Amino acid sequence: MTTIDDKTAAEAFRRLVGHLQMRSDAQNVDLMGLAGFCRNCLADWVSEASDGALDRKAAREAIYGMPYDAWKADQPEATPEQLARMDDSLALNERLRAKA
């Protein structure tokens, strides 16, 4: 992904995070089921990219815009159907990684 400069990528990332913070109705389990990643994944990537400057907890708070536990407390339980879609999507991630 060398065609997008860092300044542009950073601004797009900030907009994505802001959008995810605004759309708390989009549950992580649904994001996982559809796209194979969620806010927690994004926070993990931020933590890993920070070279130790942000631990997982701090990265999650940055992505959620609040403590993770507070956000999770307002989310409904995942249904069996949502969990099945998420599992299928995670399996697809693994198959695609194996091909890469």
C-alpha atoms as a PDB file:
ATOM      1  CA  MET A   1       0.000   0.000   0.000  1.00  0.00           C
ATOM      2  CA  THR A   2       2.644   2.468  -1.055  1.00  0.00           C
ATOM      3  CA  THR A   3       0.349   4.601  -3.193  1.00  0.00           C
ATOM      4  CA  ILE A   4      -1.145   6.399  -0.200  1.00  0.00           C
ATOM      5  CA  ASP A   5       1.173   8.740   1.682  1.00  0.00           C
ATOM      6  CA  ASP A   6       1.330   8.623   5.483  1.00  0.00           C
ATOM      7  CA  LYS A   7      -0.445  11.961   5.990  1.00  0.00           C
ATOM      8  CA  THR A   8      -3.410  10.868   3.880  1.00  0.00           C
ATOM      9  CA  ALA A   9      -3.504   7.418   5.487  1.00  0.00           C
ATOM     10  CA  ALA A  10      -3.415   8.951   8.977  1.00  0.00           C
ATOM     11  CA  GLU A  11      -6.324  11.270   8.211  1.00  0.00           C
ATOM     12  CA  ALA A  12      -8.363   8.415   6.727  1.00  0.00           C
ATOM     13  CA  PHE A  13      -7.584   6.292   9.797  1.00  0.00           C
ATOM     14  CA  ARG A  14      -8.775   9.079  12.123  1.00  0.00           C
ATOM     15  CA  ARG A  15     -12.011   9.349  10.140  1.00  0.00           C
ATOM     16  CA  LEU A  16     -12.511   5.582  10.341  1.00  0.00           C
ATOM     17  CA  VAL A  17     -12.004   5.612  14.107  1.00  0.00           C
ATOM     18  CA  GLY A  18     -14.377   8.569  14.484  1.00  0.00           C
ATOM     19  CA  HIS A  19     -16.964   6.798  12.364  1.00  0.00           C
ATOM     20  CA  LEU A  20     -16.698   3.613  14.443  1.00  0.00           C
ATOM     21  CA  GLN A  21     -17.028   5.648  17.643  1.00  0.00           C
ATOM     22  CA  MET A  22     -20.145   7.336  16.274  1.00  0.00           C
ATOM     23  CA  ARG A  23     -21.669   4.040  15.103  1.00  0.00           C
ATOM     24  CA  SER A  24     -21.786   2.090  18.345  1.00  0.00           C
ATOM     25  CA  ASP A  25     -24.839   0.334  16.889  1.00  0.00           C
ATOM     26  CA  ALA A  26     -22.456  -1.548  14.575  1.00  0.00           C
ATOM     27  CA  GLN A  27     -21.497  -4.374  16.893  1.00  0.00           C
ATOM     28  CA  ASN A  28     -18.026  -5.877  16.774  1.00  0.00           C
ATOM     29  CA  VAL A  29     -19.475  -9.327  16.171  1.00  0.00           C
ATOM     30  CA  ASP A  30     -21.251  -7.995  13.056  1.00  0.00           C
ATOM     31  CA  LEU A  31     -18.081  -6.288  11.811  1.00  0.00           C
ATOM     32  CA  MET A  32     -16.222  -9.557  12.322  1.00  0.00           C
ATOM     33  CA  GLY A  33     -18.936 -11.526  10.538  1.00  0.00           C
ATOM     34  CA  LEU A  34     -18.949  -9.213   7.554  1.00  0.00           C
ATOM     35  CA  ALA A  35     -15.389  -7.949   7.211  1.00  0.00           C
ATOM     36  CA  GLY A  36     -13.264 -10.211   9.389  1.00  0.00           C
ATOM     37  CA  PHE A  37     -12.087  -7.436  11.693  1.00  0.00           C
ATOM     38  CA  CYS A  38     -13.505  -5.249  14.438  1.00  0.00           C
ATOM     39  CA  ARG A  39     -12.596  -2.427  16.785  1.00  0.00           C
ATOM     40  CA  ASN A  40     -10.571  -4.807  18.949  1.00  0.00           C
ATOM     41  CA  CYS A  41      -8.564  -5.913  15.914  1.00  0.00           C
ATOM     42  CA  LEU A  42      -7.955  -2.289  15.002  1.00  0.00           C
ATOM     43  CA  ALA A  43      -6.819  -1.555  18.559  1.00  0.00           C
ATOM     44  CA  ASP A  44      -4.482  -4.552  18.474  1.00  0.00           C
ATOM     45  CA  TRP A  45      -2.969  -3.307  15.204  1.00  0.00           C
ATOM     46  CA  VAL A  46      -2.486   0.147  16.733  1.00  0.00           C
ATOM     47  CA  SER A  47      -0.845  -1.372  19.803  1.00  0.00           C
ATOM     48  CA  GLU A  48       1.473  -3.505  17.683  1.00  0.00           C
ATOM     49  CA  ALA A  49       2.362  -0.573  15.412  1.00  0.00           C
ATOM     50  CA  SER A  50       3.168   1.617  18.421  1.00  0.00           C
ATOM     51  CA  ASP A  51       6.280  -0.414  19.294  1.00  0.00           C
ATOM     52  CA  GLY A  52       5.225  -0.597  22.930  1.00  0.00           C
ATOM     53  CA  ALA A  53       4.039   3.004  23.313  1.00  0.00           C
ATOM     54  CA  LEU A  54       0.421   1.831  23.680  1.00  0.00           C
ATOM     55  CA  ASP A  55      -0.585  -1.378  25.391  1.00  0.00           C
ATOM     56  CA  ARG A  56      -3.800  -3.147  24.335  1.00  0.00           C
ATOM     57  CA  LYS A  57      -5.869  -1.377  26.997  1.00  0.00           C
ATOM     58  CA  ALA A  58      -4.671   2.098  25.960  1.00  0.00           C
ATOM     59  CA  ALA A  59      -5.118   1.283  22.277  1.00  0.00           C
ATOM     60  CA  ARG A  60      -8.672   0.061  22.873  1.00  0.00           C
ATOM     61  CA  GLU A  61      -9.498   3.224  24.784  1.00  0.00           C
ATOM     62  CA  ALA A  62      -8.139   5.290  21.883  1.00  0.00           C
ATOM     63  CA  ILE A  63     -10.207   3.349  19.339  1.00  0.00           C
ATOM     64  CA  TYR A  64     -13.411   3.236  21.406  1.00  0.00           C
ATOM     65  CA  GLY A  65     -13.083   6.785  22.711  1.00  0.00           C
ATOM     66  CA  MET A  66     -13.824   5.432  26.203  1.00  0.00           C
ATOM     67  CA  PRO A  67     -12.744   2.544  28.403  1.00  0.00           C
ATOM     68  CA  TYR A  68     -13.471  -0.743  26.652  1.00  0.00           C
ATOM     69  CA  ASP A  69     -15.420  -2.138  29.621  1.00  0.00           C
ATOM     70  CA  ALA A  70     -17.788   0.863  29.539  1.00  0.00           C
ATOM     71  CA  TRP A  71     -18.423   0.380  25.814  1.00  0.00           C
ATOM     72  CA  LYS A  72     -18.925  -3.372  26.140  1.00  0.00           C
ATOM     73  CA  ALA A  73     -21.407  -2.916  29.003  1.00  0.00           C
ATOM     74  CA  ASP A  74     -23.774  -1.108  26.615  1.00  0.00           C
ATOM     75  CA  GLN A  75     -23.639  -3.799  23.925  1.00  0.00           C
ATOM     76  CA  PRO A  76     -26.212  -6.576  23.623  1.00  0.00           C
ATOM     77  CA  GLU A  77     -25.201 -10.238  23.816  1.00  0.00           C
ATOM     78  CA  ALA A  78     -24.214 -11.751  20.490  1.00  0.00           C
ATOM     79  CA  THR A  79     -26.712 -14.172  19.006  1.00  0.00           C
ATOM     80  CA  PRO A  80     -25.715 -17.689  17.921  1.00  0.00           C
ATOM     81  CA  GLU A  81     -26.194 -16.571  14.308  1.00  0.00           C
ATOM     82  CA  GLN A  82     -23.832 -13.611  14.758  1.00  0.00           C
ATOM     83  CA  LEU A  83     -21.241 -15.856  16.363  1.00  0.00           C
ATOM     84  CA  ALA A  84     -21.529 -18.399  13.526  1.00  0.00           C
ATOM     85  CA  ARG A  85     -21.008 -15.650  10.900  1.00  0.00           C
ATOM     86  CA  MET A  86     -17.999 -14.409  12.855  1.00  0.00           C
ATOM     87  CA  ASP A  87     -16.496 -17.909  13.016  1.00  0.00           C
ATOM     88  CA  ASP A  88     -17.003 -18.371   9.269  1.00  0.00           C
ATOM     89  CA  SER A  89     -15.406 -14.988   8.586  1.00  0.00           C
ATOM     90  CA  LEU A  90     -12.402 -15.765  10.794  1.00  0.00           C
ATOM     91  CA  ALA A  91     -11.943 -19.067   8.955  1.00  0.00           C
ATOM     92  CA  LEU A  92     -12.000 -17.150   5.664  1.00  0.00           C
ATOM     93  CA  ASN A  93      -9.319 -14.806   7.025  1.00  0.00           C
ATOM     94  CA  GLU A  94      -7.119 -17.817   7.723  1.00  0.00           C
ATOM     95  CA  ARG A  95      -7.667 -19.293   4.245  1.00  0.00           C
ATOM     96  CA  LEU A  96      -6.854 -15.947   2.611  1.00  0.00           C
ATOM     97  CA  ARG A  97      -3.701 -15.523   4.745  1.00  0.00           C
ATOM     98  CA  ALA A  98      -2.565 -19.006   3.746  1.00  0.00           C
ATOM     99  CA  LYS A  99      -2.838 -18.030   0.062  1.00  0.00           C
ATOM    100  CA  ALA A 100      -0.903 -14.776   0.513  1.00  0.00           C
END
